[in-house]
Amino acid sequence: KGEGYHLDLLCIAVLVLICSFLGLPFYVAATVLSVMHVNSLRVYSESSAPGEIPRFLGVNEQRLTAIFAHSLIGLSVFLTRVIKLVPLPVLIGIFLYMGVVSLLGQQFVQRIALLFTSVKHQ
């Protein structure tokens, strides 16, 4: 995954520690640094033989997505009048959908789901 991924997590851990000491809300880095985003940047080898499984080569590091997402978050400050028109249940539903969809792609959640799945359907 590269050094940048681990450095991002270290910075977030330090910011969470500082925020907890100051009584501020935690800094959440879930806008871009998510499992699905990292999976979309994976690079695999091109398999030429039939039946050959592509090998994992690495992750393409890029900052364009982070710049775009955070600039949209910054622009949302100027759109508060428009955002107030959206009903709260709609916003809650969008965030709930985004959370559930991102959880379903994680291997940990899939393995917990196997505990409750019958052997016939595994």
Foldseek 3Di string as FASTA:
>chain_A
DDDVLVVVVVVLVVQQVVCVVVVHDRDDPPQQPAPVNQVVQWDWDDDDDPPDDTHTDGGDDDCPSVVVSVVVVVCVVVVPVVVVVDDPVVVVVVVVVVVVVSVVPDPVSVVVVVVVDDPVVD
